[in-house]
C-alpha atoms as a PDB file:
ATOM      1  CA  MET A   1       0.219  -0.297   0.079  1.00  0.00           C
ATOM      2  CA  ILE A   2       1.613   3.313  -0.680  1.00  0.00           C
ATOM      3  CA  PRO A   3       2.555   5.480   2.352  1.00  0.00           C
ATOM      4  CA  GLY A   4      -0.299   8.347   1.444  1.00  0.00           C
ATOM      5  CA  PHE A   5      -3.111   6.079   1.553  1.00  0.00           C
ATOM      6  CA  ASP A   6      -2.325   4.542   5.352  1.00  0.00           C
ATOM      7  CA  ARG A   7      -2.412   8.320   6.424  1.00  0.00           C
ATOM      8  CA  GLY A   8      -5.654   9.385   4.423  1.00  0.00           C
ATOM      9  CA  LEU A   9      -7.442   6.116   5.899  1.00  0.00           C
ATOM     10  CA  GLY A  10      -5.776   6.809   9.794  1.00  0.00           C
ATOM     11  CA  GLY A  11      -8.981   7.655  12.479  1.00  0.00           C
ATOM     12  CA  MET A  12     -12.062   6.591  10.083  1.00  0.00           C
ATOM     13  CA  HIS A  13     -15.035   4.685  11.049  1.00  0.00           C
ATOM     14  CA  VAL A  14     -17.477   2.016   9.770  1.00  0.00           C
ATOM     15  CA  GLY A  15     -19.482   4.223   7.618  1.00  0.00           C
ATOM     16  CA  GLY A  16     -16.824   7.079   7.149  1.00  0.00           C
ATOM     17  CA  LYS A  17     -16.367   8.754   3.522  1.00  0.00           C
ATOM     18  CA  ARG A  18     -13.607  10.707   2.659  1.00  0.00           C
ATOM     19  CA  ARG A  19     -11.610  12.325  -0.197  1.00  0.00           C
ATOM     20  CA  VAL A  20      -8.547  11.173  -0.126  1.00  0.00           C
ATOM     21  CA  PHE A  21      -6.084  13.322  -1.835  1.00  0.00           C
ATOM     22  CA  ILE A  22      -2.721  11.601  -2.168  1.00  0.00           C
ATOM     23  CA  PRO A  23       0.183  13.913  -2.998  1.00  0.00           C
ATOM     24  CA  TYR A  24       2.759  11.994  -5.981  1.00  0.00           C
ATOM     25  CA  GLN A  25       5.590  12.052  -2.889  1.00  0.00           C
ATOM     26  CA  LEU A  26       3.335  10.042  -1.038  1.00  0.00           C
ATOM     27  CA  ALA A  27       2.049   8.273  -4.267  1.00  0.00           C
ATOM     28  CA  TYR A  28       4.462   6.366  -6.877  1.00  0.00           C
ATOM     29  CA  GLY A  29       6.948   9.413  -6.662  1.00  0.00           C
ATOM     30  CA  GLU A  30       8.551  10.709  -9.742  1.00  0.00           C
ATOM     31  CA  MET A  31       9.045   7.768 -11.629  1.00  0.00           C
ATOM     32  CA  GLY A  32       4.888   7.061 -11.541  1.00  0.00           C
ATOM     33  CA  ARG A  33       4.024   3.476 -11.833  1.00  0.00           C
ATOM     34  CA  PRO A  34       4.163   1.146 -15.437  1.00  0.00           C
ATOM     35  CA  GLY A  35       1.256  -0.319 -16.745  1.00  0.00           C
ATOM     36  CA  PRO A  36       1.057  -4.460 -17.665  1.00  0.00           C
ATOM     37  CA  ASP A  37       0.701  -3.320 -21.376  1.00  0.00           C
ATOM     38  CA  ALA A  38       0.313  -0.156 -23.726  1.00  0.00           C
ATOM     39  CA  THR A  39      -3.316  -0.849 -23.344  1.00  0.00           C
ATOM     40  CA  HIS A  40      -3.079  -0.283 -19.476  1.00  0.00           C
ATOM     41  CA  THR A  41      -0.776   2.978 -19.105  1.00  0.00           C
ATOM     42  CA  GLY A  42      -0.407   2.701 -15.815  1.00  0.00           C
ATOM     43  CA  ILE A  43       0.403   5.756 -13.146  1.00  0.00           C
ATOM     44  CA  PRO A  44       2.869   8.591 -15.168  1.00  0.00           C
ATOM     45  CA  PRO A  45       5.173  10.115 -13.153  1.00  0.00           C
ATOM     46  CA  LYS A  46       4.603  12.824 -10.704  1.00  0.00           C
ATOM     47  CA  ALA A  47       0.837  11.827 -10.411  1.00  0.00           C
ATOM     48  CA  ASP A  48      -1.212  13.314  -7.653  1.00  0.00           C
ATOM     49  CA  LEU A  49      -4.446  10.712  -6.642  1.00  0.00           C
ATOM     50  CA  ILE A  50      -7.294  11.190  -5.544  1.00  0.00           C
ATOM     51  CA  PHE A  51      -9.654   8.704  -3.882  1.00  0.00           C
ATOM     52  CA  ASP A  52     -13.117   8.334  -2.523  1.00  0.00           C
ATOM     53  CA  VAL A  53     -13.630   6.152   0.033  1.00  0.00           C
ATOM     54  CA  GLU A  54     -15.903   4.635   2.246  1.00  0.00           C
ATOM     55  CA  LEU A  55     -15.324   2.637   4.997  1.00  0.00           C
ATOM     56  CA  VAL A  56     -17.578  -0.168   4.846  1.00  0.00           C
ATOM     57  CA  ASP A  57     -16.286  -3.077   7.760  1.00  0.00           C
ATOM     58  CA  VAL A  58     -12.970  -3.542   9.671  1.00  0.00           C
ATOM     59  CA  THR A  59     -12.066  -6.461  10.096  1.00  0.00           C
ATOM     60  CA  GLU A  60      -9.000  -7.892  12.394  1.00  0.00           C
ATOM     61  CA  VAL A  61      -6.089  -9.659  10.801  1.00  0.00           C
ATOM     62  CA  PRO A  62      -5.561 -12.962  12.839  1.00  0.00           C
ATOM     63  CA  GLN A  63      -1.823 -11.964  14.257  1.00  0.00           C
ATOM     64  CA  PRO A  64       0.461 -15.555  13.921  1.00  0.00           C
ATOM     65  CA  PRO A  65       1.523 -17.223  17.032  1.00  0.00           C
ATOM     66  CA  LEU A  66       4.302 -15.718  18.937  1.00  0.00           C
ATOM     67  CA  PRO A  67       7.689 -17.908  18.796  1.00  0.00           C
ATOM     68  CA  THR A  68       8.513 -20.349  22.057  1.00  0.00           C
ATOM     69  CA  ALA A  69      10.829 -17.946  24.462  1.00  0.00           C
ATOM     70  CA  GLN A  70      14.045 -19.356  25.515  1.00  0.00           C
ATOM     71  CA  PRO A  71      14.347 -19.245  29.281  1.00  0.00           C
ATOM     72  CA  PHE A  72      16.713 -16.408  29.554  1.00  0.00           C
ATOM     73  CA  ASP A  73      19.959 -18.165  31.117  1.00  0.00           C
ATOM     74  CA  GLN A  74      19.506 -20.020  27.390  1.00  0.00           C
ATOM     75  CA  LEU A  75      20.499 -16.587  25.635  1.00  0.00           C
ATOM     76  CA  LEU A  76      23.690 -15.924  27.897  1.00  0.00           C
ATOM     77  CA  ARG A  77      25.052 -19.398  26.980  1.00  0.00           C
ATOM     78  CA  PRO A  78      27.722 -19.607  24.961  1.00  0.00           C
ATOM     79  CA  ARG A  79      27.072 -22.420  21.790  1.00  0.00           C
ATOM     80  CA  VAL A  80      30.055 -24.446  20.183  1.00  0.00           C
ATOM     81  CA  LEU A  81      29.902 -25.528  16.744  1.00  0.00           C
ATOM     82  CA  LEU A  82      30.897 -29.455  16.747  1.00  0.00           C
ATOM     83  CA  PRO A  83      33.206 -29.889  13.634  1.00  0.00           C
ATOM     84  CA  ASP A  84      32.164 -33.762  12.851  1.00  0.00           C
ATOM     85  CA  SER A  85      28.191 -32.785  12.734  1.00  0.00           C
ATOM     86  CA  GLY A  86      28.431 -28.982  12.025  1.00  0.00           C
ATOM     87  CA  GLU A  87      25.793 -29.217  14.607  1.00  0.00           C
ATOM     88  CA  ALA A  88      25.327 -26.156  17.152  1.00  0.00           C
ATOM     89  CA  ARG A  89      24.937 -26.954  20.757  1.00  0.00           C
ATOM     90  CA  TYR A  90      25.267 -25.156  23.887  1.00  0.00           C
ATOM     91  CA  ALA A  91      28.992 -24.878  25.737  1.00  0.00           C
ATOM     92  CA  GLY A  92      28.594 -27.277  29.000  1.00  0.00           C
ATOM     93  CA  ASP A  93      25.294 -29.651  27.972  1.00  0.00           C
ATOM     94  CA  ALA A  94      25.881 -32.875  28.945  1.00  0.00           C
ATOM     95  CA  ASN A  95      27.533 -34.738  25.308  1.00  0.00           C
ATOM     96  CA  ARG A  96      27.732 -31.472  24.228  1.00  0.00           C
ATOM     97  CA  ALA A  97      30.931 -29.848  23.773  1.00  0.00           C
ATOM     98  CA  SER A  98      33.803 -27.933  22.200  1.00  0.00           C
ATOM     99  CA  HIS A  99      36.311 -30.175  20.046  1.00  0.00           C
ATOM    100  CA  SER A 100      39.784 -28.344  19.479  1.00  0.00           C
ATOM    101  CA  GLY A 101      40.182 -31.574  16.815  1.00  0.00           C
ATOM    102  CA  SER A 102      43.788 -33.494  18.541  1.00  0.00           C
ATOM    103  CA  THR A 103      42.550 -33.205  22.363  1.00  0.00           C
ATOM    104  CA  ALA A 104      39.855 -34.712  24.334  1.00  0.00           C
ATOM    105  CA  CYS A 105      37.074 -32.233  25.393  1.00  0.00           C
ATOM    106  CA  ALA A 106      35.347 -31.909  28.923  1.00  0.00           C
ATOM    107  CA  THR A 107      31.534 -32.099  29.288  1.00  0.00           C
ATOM    108  CA  THR A 108      29.363 -31.049  32.518  1.00  0.00           C
ATOM    109  CA  SER A 109      26.723 -33.200  32.160  1.00  0.00           C
ATOM    110  CA  SER A 110      22.919 -30.727  34.185  1.00  0.00           C
ATOM    111  CA  ASP A 111      24.133 -32.444  37.188  1.00  0.00           C
ATOM    112  CA  GLY A 112      27.577 -31.229  37.526  1.00  0.00           C
ATOM    113  CA  ALA A 113      29.567 -34.607  37.048  1.00  0.00           C
ATOM    114  CA  ASN A 114      32.719 -33.633  34.377  1.00  0.00           C
ATOM    115  CA  SER A 115      32.829 -35.982  31.795  1.00  0.00           C
ATOM    116  CA  THR A 116      34.315 -36.699  28.227  1.00  0.00           C
ATOM    117  CA  CYS A 117      32.109 -36.932  25.218  1.00  0.00           C
ATOM    118  CA  ALA A 118      31.582 -39.926  23.749  1.00  0.00           C
ATOM    119  CA  ALA A 119      33.355 -38.542  20.798  1.00  0.00           C
ATOM    120  CA  CYS A 120      36.665 -37.909  22.441  1.00  0.00           C
ATOM    121  CA  THR A 121      36.669 -41.059  23.989  1.00  0.00           C
ATOM    122  CA  ALA A 122      36.250 -42.792  20.801  1.00  0.00           C
ATOM    123  CA  ALA A 123      39.094 -41.393  19.315  1.00  0.00           C
ATOM    124  CA  ALA A 124      41.125 -41.394  22.488  1.00  0.00           C
ATOM    125  CA  GLU A 125      40.789 -45.423  22.526  1.00  0.00           C
ATOM    126  CA  VAL A 126      41.994 -46.074  19.118  1.00  0.00           C
ATOM    127  CA  THR A 127      45.171 -43.905  19.726  1.00  0.00           C
END
């Protein structure tokens, strides 16, 4: 919708009638708007627009559901990228750790116990 149309309809009530004058600066500007073909010429450059409007009905547009919020502490935790899978996980979660490639990593489970992740344990057994 063109900016001038929003301004012209602001404050209208159902049943209201209005003549809306929209200067070209709030319509299609200095470029105008070309039509789809030669028989429909579109709107010329610098064209002021005039609309006769009657507000017949107002319908509420349903709003999309809000995204599920993460707990505040989750927003502050750094995420690490696991090189083998490319998966990003929160640092410090059980079996969720940062791998440096050649050294074993330490993970912390939700109960506070420290351990080595399965990928590093398997790598250590091979070497």
